[in-house]
Protein backbone atom coordinates (compact mmCIF):
# COMPACT_ATOMS: atom_id res chain seq x y z
CA MET A 1 47.74 -43.75 -10.88
CA LEU A 2 45.72 -41.17 -12.77
CA TYR A 3 42.69 -43.46 -12.84
CA ILE A 4 43.00 -44.02 -9.10
CA ALA A 5 43.14 -40.27 -8.51
CA TYR A 6 40.00 -39.76 -10.60
CA ALA A 7 38.22 -42.56 -8.75
CA VAL A 8 39.12 -41.01 -5.39
CA LEU A 9 37.94 -37.59 -6.60
CA TRP A 10 34.54 -38.93 -7.63
CA LEU A 11 34.27 -40.90 -4.40
CA LEU A 12 34.93 -37.74 -2.42
CA ARG A 13 32.31 -35.90 -4.45
CA PHE A 14 29.83 -38.66 -3.73
CA ALA A 15 30.69 -38.68 -0.02
CA LEU A 16 30.29 -34.90 0.25
CA GLY A 17 26.89 -35.00 -1.42
CA ALA A 18 25.78 -37.90 0.77
CA CYS A 19 26.82 -36.00 3.91
CA VAL A 20 24.89 -32.87 2.90
CA PHE A 21 21.76 -34.81 2.00
CA SER A 22 22.05 -36.80 5.23
CA PHE A 23 21.62 -33.48 7.04
CA LEU A 24 18.74 -32.57 4.74
CA GLY A 25 17.07 -35.82 5.76
CA VAL A 26 17.23 -34.54 9.34
CA VAL A 27 15.66 -31.27 8.19
CA VAL A 28 12.80 -33.17 6.51
CA TRP A 29 12.17 -35.10 9.73
CA ARG A 30 12.50 -32.26 12.24
CA LEU A 31 10.87 -29.24 10.62
CA PRO A 32 7.30 -30.60 10.55
CA ARG A 33 7.76 -31.64 14.19
CA ARG A 34 8.97 -28.13 15.09
CA GLU A 35 12.33 -29.44 16.25
CA SER A 36 15.54 -27.45 15.82
CA VAL A 37 17.62 -28.55 12.84
CA VAL A 38 20.84 -27.17 14.33
CA LYS A 39 20.52 -28.02 18.01
CA GLY A 40 20.43 -31.44 19.55
CA ARG A 41 22.41 -34.47 18.46
CA SER A 42 20.99 -37.10 16.15
CA HIS A 43 19.07 -39.80 17.98
CA CYS A 44 16.93 -42.85 17.34
CA PRO A 45 13.30 -41.68 17.08
CA VAL A 46 12.13 -44.94 18.71
CA CYS A 47 14.37 -45.39 21.76
CA GLY A 48 15.79 -41.86 21.93
CA ARG A 49 19.39 -43.06 22.18
CA THR A 50 21.98 -40.57 20.96
CA LEU A 51 23.75 -41.94 17.89
CA SER A 52 27.52 -42.34 17.87
CA ALA A 53 29.77 -41.03 15.13
CA ALA A 54 30.09 -44.53 13.69
CA GLU A 55 26.31 -44.65 13.27
CA LEU A 56 26.23 -41.42 11.29
CA LEU A 57 28.37 -42.43 8.32
CA PRO A 58 26.25 -41.69 5.24
CA CYS A 59 25.15 -44.85 3.40
CA LEU A 60 27.71 -47.06 5.17
CA SER A 61 26.11 -47.04 8.63
CA PHE A 62 22.76 -48.17 7.24
CA LEU A 63 24.38 -51.06 5.38
CA LEU A 64 26.69 -52.12 8.21
CA GLN A 65 23.86 -52.08 10.74
CA GLY A 66 21.49 -53.97 8.50
CA GLY A 67 19.09 -51.05 8.47
CA LYS A 68 18.45 -51.29 12.22
CA CYS A 69 19.20 -49.23 15.32
CA ARG A 70 22.07 -50.71 17.32
CA GLY A 71 20.29 -49.94 20.56
CA CYS A 72 16.70 -51.09 20.21
CA GLY A 73 16.81 -52.91 16.90
CA ALA A 74 14.11 -50.71 15.36
CA LYS A 75 14.18 -50.51 11.59
CA ILE A 76 15.76 -47.40 10.12
CA PRO A 77 13.57 -46.08 7.28
CA ALA A 78 15.11 -47.09 3.96
CA ARG A 79 14.28 -43.61 2.71
CA ASP A 80 17.07 -42.21 4.88
CA PHE A 81 19.57 -44.39 3.02
CA TRP A 82 18.23 -43.47 -0.42
CA ILE A 83 18.29 -39.75 0.43
CA GLU A 84 22.02 -40.09 1.11
CA VAL A 85 22.56 -42.04 -2.10
CA LEU A 86 20.62 -39.37 -3.98
CA GLY A 87 22.85 -36.70 -2.47
CA GLY A 88 25.96 -38.47 -3.66
CA LEU A 89 24.55 -38.88 -7.15
CA CYS A 90 23.44 -35.25 -7.28
CA SER A 91 26.90 -34.07 -6.26
CA CYS A 92 28.54 -36.15 -8.97
CA ALA A 93 25.98 -35.09 -11.57
CA CYS A 94 26.55 -31.40 -10.84
CA ALA A 95 30.31 -31.79 -11.00
CA TYR A 96 30.02 -33.67 -14.30
CA ALA A 97 27.52 -31.29 -15.91
CA PHE A 98 29.01 -28.01 -14.75
CA GLY A 99 32.75 -28.55 -14.89
CA GLY A 100 33.80 -29.80 -11.48
CA GLU A 101 33.92 -27.63 -8.39
CA THR A 102 32.58 -24.47 -10.02
CA ALA A 103 30.16 -21.81 -8.81
CA GLN A 104 27.55 -23.12 -11.23
CA ALA A 105 27.95 -26.67 -9.92
CA ALA A 106 27.64 -25.47 -6.31
CA LEU A 107 24.47 -23.51 -7.09
CA ALA A 108 22.97 -26.44 -8.97
CA PHE A 109 23.71 -28.74 -6.03
CA ALA A 110 22.14 -26.24 -3.61
CA VAL A 111 19.01 -26.08 -5.76
CA LEU A 112 18.81 -29.89 -5.90
CA GLY A 113 19.07 -29.99 -2.12
CA ILE A 114 16.23 -27.48 -1.74
CA LEU A 115 14.09 -29.37 -4.23
CA THR A 116 14.69 -32.64 -2.37
CA VAL A 117 13.54 -31.14 0.92
CA VAL A 118 10.50 -29.57 -0.74
CA ALA A 119 9.51 -32.83 -2.46
CA LEU A 120 9.87 -35.02 0.63
CA MET A 121 8.15 -32.59 3.00
CA ASP A 122 5.30 -32.09 0.55
CA MET A 123 4.88 -35.86 0.33
CA ASP A 124 4.79 -36.08 4.13
CA THR A 125 2.67 -33.02 4.96
CA LEU A 126 1.07 -31.77 1.70
CA GLU A 127 2.70 -28.44 2.49
CA ILE A 128 5.55 -26.42 1.01
CA TYR A 129 7.11 -24.05 3.50
CA ASP A 130 7.51 -20.46 2.24
CA ARG A 131 11.20 -20.39 3.10
CA PHE A 132 12.09 -22.84 0.33
CA PRO A 133 10.73 -20.85 -2.65
CA VAL A 134 12.54 -17.89 -1.09
CA LEU A 135 15.77 -19.89 -1.00
CA LEU A 136 15.31 -20.78 -4.69
CA PHE A 137 14.88 -17.09 -5.45
CA VAL A 138 18.07 -16.34 -3.51
CA CYS A 139 19.87 -18.99 -5.58
CA GLY A 140 18.60 -17.15 -8.64
CA ILE A 141 20.10 -13.90 -7.37
CA ALA A 142 23.42 -15.67 -6.76
CA ALA A 143 23.26 -17.19 -10.24
CA HIS A 144 22.61 -13.77 -11.79
CA ILE A 145 25.65 -12.34 -10.00
CA LEU A 146 28.03 -15.23 -10.60
CA ILE A 147 26.74 -16.42 -13.97
CA PRO A 148 25.18 -13.36 -15.64
CA SER A 149 24.75 -14.96 -19.07
CA LEU A 150 20.99 -15.22 -18.45
CA GLY A 151 19.55 -11.70 -18.43
CA ILE A 152 17.43 -10.23 -15.65
CA LYS A 153 14.50 -9.85 -18.07
CA SER A 154 14.32 -13.60 -18.66
CA ARG A 155 14.56 -14.26 -14.93
CA LEU A 156 11.73 -11.85 -14.11
CA ILE A 157 9.54 -13.31 -16.85
CA GLY A 158 10.39 -16.74 -15.47
CA CYS A 159 8.91 -15.72 -12.12
CA VAL A 160 5.48 -15.05 -13.60
CA ILE A 161 5.22 -17.05 -16.83
CA VAL A 162 4.06 -20.17 -14.98
CA SER A 163 3.18 -19.00 -11.46
CA VAL A 164 0.59 -16.42 -12.60
CA PRO A 165 -1.37 -18.87 -14.83
CA MET A 166 -1.23 -21.37 -11.95
CA LEU A 167 -2.62 -18.70 -9.61
CA LEU A 168 -5.43 -17.81 -12.00
CA LEU A 169 -6.31 -21.48 -12.41
CA ALA A 170 -6.32 -21.95 -8.64
CA LEU A 171 -8.76 -19.02 -8.32
CA ILE A 172 -11.04 -20.39 -11.03
CA VAL A 173 -10.83 -24.03 -9.97
CA PRO A 174 -10.46 -24.30 -6.17
CA GLY A 175 -7.77 -26.85 -5.35
CA GLY A 176 -6.34 -26.71 -8.87
CA PHE A 177 -2.94 -25.77 -7.47
CA GLY A 178 -1.77 -25.14 -3.93
CA GLY A 179 -0.23 -21.86 -2.86
CA GLY A 180 3.05 -23.63 -2.19
CA ASP A 181 3.21 -24.94 -5.77
CA ILE A 182 2.67 -21.42 -7.12
CA LYS A 183 5.36 -19.92 -4.90
CA LEU A 184 7.72 -22.77 -5.81
CA MET A 185 7.45 -21.96 -9.52
CA PHE A 186 7.85 -18.24 -8.80
CA GLY A 187 11.13 -18.81 -6.95
CA ALA A 188 12.38 -21.42 -9.40
CA GLY A 189 11.46 -19.13 -12.30
CA PHE A 190 14.01 -16.54 -11.24
CA PHE A 191 16.70 -19.20 -11.10
CA LEU A 192 15.84 -20.92 -14.38
CA GLY A 193 14.67 -18.05 -16.56
CA ALA A 194 11.60 -17.99 -18.80
CA LYS A 195 12.37 -20.79 -21.26
CA LEU A 196 13.54 -23.38 -18.75
CA THR A 197 10.67 -22.55 -16.38
CA VAL A 198 8.19 -23.46 -19.10
CA VAL A 199 10.06 -26.72 -19.69
CA ALA A 200 10.06 -27.46 -15.94
CA ALA A 201 6.33 -26.78 -15.63
CA PHE A 202 5.51 -28.90 -18.68
CA ILE A 203 7.45 -31.87 -17.31
CA GLY A 204 6.03 -31.45 -13.81
CA ILE A 205 2.43 -31.15 -14.98
CA LEU A 206 2.88 -34.09 -17.36
CA LEU A 207 4.26 -36.31 -14.60
CA GLY A 208 1.77 -35.13 -11.99
CA GLY A 209 -1.16 -35.50 -14.37
CA GLY A 210 -0.04 -38.98 -15.34
CA PHE A 211 0.27 -39.97 -11.69
CA GLY A 212 -3.20 -38.61 -10.93
CA ALA A 213 -4.66 -40.46 -13.91
CA LEU A 214 -3.00 -43.67 -12.71
CA LEU A 215 -4.53 -43.27 -9.24
CA LEU A 216 -7.95 -42.73 -10.79
CA ALA A 217 -7.55 -45.76 -13.07
CA GLN A 218 -6.57 -47.92 -10.11
CA LYS A 219 -9.46 -46.44 -8.09
CA LYS A 220 -7.04 -45.33 -5.38
CA ALA A 221 -8.37 -41.78 -5.63
CA ASN A 222 -11.36 -39.83 -6.92
CA ARG A 223 -11.61 -36.45 -8.62
CA LYS A 224 -11.77 -34.68 -5.27
CA SER A 225 -8.70 -36.42 -3.82
CA GLN A 226 -5.56 -34.41 -3.16
CA PHE A 227 -1.99 -35.56 -3.56
CA ALA A 228 1.38 -33.85 -3.33
CA PHE A 229 2.02 -32.08 -6.65
CA GLY A 230 5.23 -30.41 -5.48
CA PRO A 231 7.46 -33.47 -6.02
CA PHE A 232 6.55 -33.58 -9.71
CA LEU A 233 7.29 -29.88 -10.12
CA CYS A 234 10.62 -30.45 -8.34
CA ILE A 235 11.48 -33.24 -10.78
CA GLY A 236 10.59 -30.94 -13.65
CA ILE A 237 12.79 -28.16 -12.28
CA ALA A 238 15.72 -30.53 -11.81
CA ILE A 239 15.38 -31.97 -15.33
CA ALA A 240 15.09 -28.48 -16.82
CA MET A 241 18.23 -27.39 -15.00
CA PHE A 242 20.27 -30.14 -16.65
CA PHE A 243 18.50 -30.79 -19.95
CA GLY A 244 16.10 -27.88 -20.41
CA GLU A 245 17.94 -26.26 -23.30
CA THR A 246 18.16 -29.56 -25.18
CA ILE A 247 14.48 -30.33 -24.58
CA ALA A 248 13.39 -26.84 -25.65
CA ASP A 249 15.51 -26.95 -28.81
CA TRP A 250 14.18 -30.43 -29.63
CA TYR A 251 10.59 -29.26 -29.23
CA MET A 252 11.11 -26.13 -31.31
CA GLY A 253 12.63 -28.31 -34.01
CA LEU A 254 9.35 -30.22 -34.24
CA LEU A 255 7.35 -27.08 -35.02
């Protein structure tokens, strides 16, 4: 019975995360189109038909409907399904890493949700809305109040230790970094603190640089081409949040 109870608990955690990220998928779709994210029921973007409750079950509806709209038969983007799966996995990961339904787990999940929206919208529009770095900063304030083990000095240094060098580089090399990327690292820096912000930036730049090099090698881009760098920074921030201390300690051990 105990194993069944644990299985149900993790299933509920997954379902909650999938529900939240299902809504975030709506945010990613509507914000660039200047649609309200709180008003208006969900509808098929092709035929405009209002979706029923049975069509809004995270993950399940996509599978049961074969990835198609029940009304017009238009394909539902597979990304919508994977966003919901990602939400479930993020919820479970936060609960596992931060001790269940704790304040730290809730904040971590909120940050992962913000990062997901930032990454997907940057991929779609090459733009990071100012409100999202602000939300990360607010999460940092909440973390400082609820989990004060990381001092305010480290958080303030975290705001500038990466964002200021990025700003200077952007001024010296036009197009080096976008303003949204700089603001993202500023907001994330207050949440992560100095050490983890450096880890996040290192991972993000490494991944983004590798992706850019791959595009150049495949001749899918040239040196003047632009691509969304925010998703790589978001991945770096997420990894640093879970494994940053371990990575930093491992690196220092090599010196």
